[in-house]
Amino acid sequence: MILEVAMLNVISGKEKEFEQVFKEASKILSSMSGYILHDLQRCLEVQGKYILLVKWEKLEDHTIGFRQSSEYQKWKQLLHHFYEPFPIVEHFESIT
């Protein structure tokens, strides 16, 4: 299993809209092959800052299966206009 981590900085004033749209986009994510679970958390100290954590069975489920899918195009259409700057996405594996 791998953990995808994305720090999301949402444009000021768009936070509520982003949260509503993310609920719809979550359905896309959770329908993908290799998807295990996800969690979106809002930062308490910095307005507009979120962290998205997604667990995948393997790295390729995200980097190929999701990112190269038609579903990802819909995901991009729904969410990518909310971010400034565009998020950096990193992948982690457990060592314990």
C-alpha atoms as a PDB file:
ATOM      1  CA  MET A   1       0.000   0.000   0.000  1.00  0.00           C
ATOM      2  CA  ILE A   2       1.155   3.542  -0.701  1.00  0.00           C
ATOM      3  CA  LEU A   3       0.016   6.891   0.629  1.00  0.00           C
ATOM      4  CA  GLU A   4      -0.454   9.796  -1.749  1.00  0.00           C
ATOM      5  CA  VAL A   5      -0.032  13.171  -0.019  1.00  0.00           C
ATOM      6  CA  ALA A   6      -1.064  16.453  -1.630  1.00  0.00           C
ATOM      7  CA  MET A   7      -0.901  19.848   0.053  1.00  0.00           C
ATOM      8  CA  LEU A   8      -3.699  21.920  -1.466  1.00  0.00           C
ATOM      9  CA  ASN A   9      -3.749  25.717  -1.316  1.00  0.00           C
ATOM     10  CA  VAL A  10      -7.206  26.904  -2.311  1.00  0.00           C
ATOM     11  CA  ILE A  11      -7.722  30.415  -3.683  1.00  0.00           C
ATOM     12  CA  SER A  12      -8.991  32.771  -0.979  1.00  0.00           C
ATOM     13  CA  GLY A  13     -12.768  33.007  -0.907  1.00  0.00           C
ATOM     14  CA  LYS A  14     -13.238  29.718  -2.782  1.00  0.00           C
ATOM     15  CA  GLU A  15     -12.934  27.378   0.220  1.00  0.00           C
ATOM     16  CA  LYS A  16     -16.636  26.574   0.725  1.00  0.00           C
ATOM     17  CA  GLU A  17     -17.175  25.985  -2.987  1.00  0.00           C
ATOM     18  CA  PHE A  18     -14.075  23.768  -3.107  1.00  0.00           C
ATOM     19  CA  GLU A  19     -15.333  21.668  -0.186  1.00  0.00           C
ATOM     20  CA  GLN A  20     -18.714  21.168  -1.865  1.00  0.00           C
ATOM     21  CA  VAL A  21     -17.216  20.258  -5.235  1.00  0.00           C
ATOM     22  CA  PHE A  22     -14.704  17.936  -3.567  1.00  0.00           C
ATOM     23  CA  LYS A  23     -17.594  15.833  -2.264  1.00  0.00           C
ATOM     24  CA  GLU A  24     -18.646  15.178  -5.863  1.00  0.00           C
ATOM     25  CA  ALA A  25     -15.069  14.587  -7.007  1.00  0.00           C
ATOM     26  CA  SER A  26     -14.583  12.095  -4.161  1.00  0.00           C
ATOM     27  CA  LYS A  27     -16.999   9.747  -5.896  1.00  0.00           C
ATOM     28  CA  ILE A  28     -14.682   9.644  -8.897  1.00  0.00           C
ATOM     29  CA  LEU A  29     -11.669   8.899  -6.727  1.00  0.00           C
ATOM     30  CA  SER A  30     -13.337   6.156  -4.731  1.00  0.00           C
ATOM     31  CA  SER A  31     -14.485   4.387  -7.905  1.00  0.00           C
ATOM     32  CA  MET A  32     -10.949   3.836  -9.198  1.00  0.00           C
ATOM     33  CA  SER A  33      -9.205   0.472  -9.289  1.00  0.00           C
ATOM     34  CA  GLY A  34      -6.658   0.151  -6.487  1.00  0.00           C
ATOM     35  CA  TYR A  35      -8.260   2.890  -4.380  1.00  0.00           C
ATOM     36  CA  ILE A  36      -8.420   2.081  -0.655  1.00  0.00           C
ATOM     37  CA  LEU A  37      -9.504   5.289   1.119  1.00  0.00           C
ATOM     38  CA  HIS A  38      -8.976   9.026   1.275  1.00  0.00           C
ATOM     39  CA  ASP A  39      -9.181  11.860   3.766  1.00  0.00           C
ATOM     40  CA  LEU A  40      -9.324  15.603   3.119  1.00  0.00           C
ATOM     41  CA  GLN A  41      -8.378  17.770   6.086  1.00  0.00           C
ATOM     42  CA  ARG A  42      -8.580  21.548   6.513  1.00  0.00           C
ATOM     43  CA  CYS A  43      -5.714  23.383   8.241  1.00  0.00           C
ATOM     44  CA  LEU A  44      -6.681  25.185  11.445  1.00  0.00           C
ATOM     45  CA  GLU A  45      -3.891  27.752  11.286  1.00  0.00           C
ATOM     46  CA  VAL A  46      -3.886  28.719   7.597  1.00  0.00           C
ATOM     47  CA  GLN A  47      -7.121  29.577   5.800  1.00  0.00           C
ATOM     48  CA  GLY A  48      -7.424  27.852   2.445  1.00  0.00           C
ATOM     49  CA  LYS A  49      -4.833  25.170   3.193  1.00  0.00           C
ATOM     50  CA  TYR A  50      -5.861  21.502   2.974  1.00  0.00           C
ATOM     51  CA  ILE A  51      -4.115  18.165   2.931  1.00  0.00           C
ATOM     52  CA  LEU A  52      -5.387  15.280   0.848  1.00  0.00           C
ATOM     53  CA  LEU A  53      -4.334  11.775   1.853  1.00  0.00           C
ATOM     54  CA  VAL A  54      -5.174   8.883  -0.463  1.00  0.00           C
ATOM     55  CA  LYS A  55      -4.291   5.246   0.106  1.00  0.00           C
ATOM     56  CA  TRP A  56      -3.728   3.132  -2.999  1.00  0.00           C
ATOM     57  CA  GLU A  57      -2.905  -0.546  -3.331  1.00  0.00           C
ATOM     58  CA  LYS A  58       0.167   0.289  -5.436  1.00  0.00           C
ATOM     59  CA  LEU A  59       1.836   3.379  -6.898  1.00  0.00           C
ATOM     60  CA  GLU A  60       0.699   2.616 -10.458  1.00  0.00           C
ATOM     61  CA  ASP A  61      -2.949   2.640  -9.365  1.00  0.00           C
ATOM     62  CA  HIS A  62      -2.522   6.381  -8.895  1.00  0.00           C
ATOM     63  CA  THR A  63       0.160   7.358 -11.398  1.00  0.00           C
ATOM     64  CA  ILE A  64      -1.173   5.297 -14.315  1.00  0.00           C
ATOM     65  CA  GLY A  65      -4.626   3.923 -13.466  1.00  0.00           C
ATOM     66  CA  PHE A  66      -6.035   7.196 -12.185  1.00  0.00           C
ATOM     67  CA  ARG A  67      -3.871   9.881 -13.798  1.00  0.00           C
ATOM     68  CA  GLN A  68      -4.195   8.405 -17.288  1.00  0.00           C
ATOM     69  CA  SER A  69      -7.942   7.749 -17.071  1.00  0.00           C
ATOM     70  CA  SER A  70     -10.932   9.610 -18.476  1.00  0.00           C
ATOM     71  CA  GLU A  71     -12.154   9.919 -14.875  1.00  0.00           C
ATOM     72  CA  TYR A  72      -9.060  12.003 -14.101  1.00  0.00           C
ATOM     73  CA  GLN A  73     -10.076  14.475 -16.815  1.00  0.00           C
ATOM     74  CA  LYS A  74     -13.375  15.016 -14.987  1.00  0.00           C
ATOM     75  CA  TRP A  75     -11.465  15.304 -11.654  1.00  0.00           C
ATOM     76  CA  LYS A  76      -9.245  17.998 -13.179  1.00  0.00           C
ATOM     77  CA  GLN A  77     -12.250  19.867 -14.572  1.00  0.00           C
ATOM     78  CA  LEU A  78     -13.931  19.874 -11.162  1.00  0.00           C
ATOM     79  CA  LEU A  79     -10.969  20.769  -8.948  1.00  0.00           C
ATOM     80  CA  HIS A  80      -7.820  22.093 -10.584  1.00  0.00           C
ATOM     81  CA  HIS A  81      -9.066  25.681 -10.969  1.00  0.00           C
ATOM     82  CA  PHE A  82      -9.274  26.031  -7.157  1.00  0.00           C
ATOM     83  CA  TYR A  83      -5.500  25.699  -6.526  1.00  0.00           C
ATOM     84  CA  GLU A  84      -2.867  28.427  -6.330  1.00  0.00           C
ATOM     85  CA  PRO A  85      -0.130  27.358  -6.581  1.00  0.00           C
ATOM     86  CA  PHE A  86      -0.719  23.962  -8.149  1.00  0.00           C
ATOM     87  CA  PRO A  87      -0.153  21.228  -5.524  1.00  0.00           C
ATOM     88  CA  ILE A  88       2.886  19.018  -5.272  1.00  0.00           C
ATOM     89  CA  VAL A  89       1.891  15.378  -4.911  1.00  0.00           C
ATOM     90  CA  GLU A  90       4.212  12.888  -3.211  1.00  0.00           C
ATOM     91  CA  HIS A  91       3.952   9.172  -2.448  1.00  0.00           C
ATOM     92  CA  PHE A  92       4.991   7.383   0.733  1.00  0.00           C
ATOM     93  CA  GLU A  93       5.325   3.805   1.898  1.00  0.00           C
ATOM     94  CA  SER A  94       5.245   2.456   5.434  1.00  0.00           C
ATOM     95  CA  ILE A  95       8.508   1.247   6.915  1.00  0.00           C
ATOM     96  CA  THR A  96       7.063  -0.253  10.106  1.00  0.00           C
END
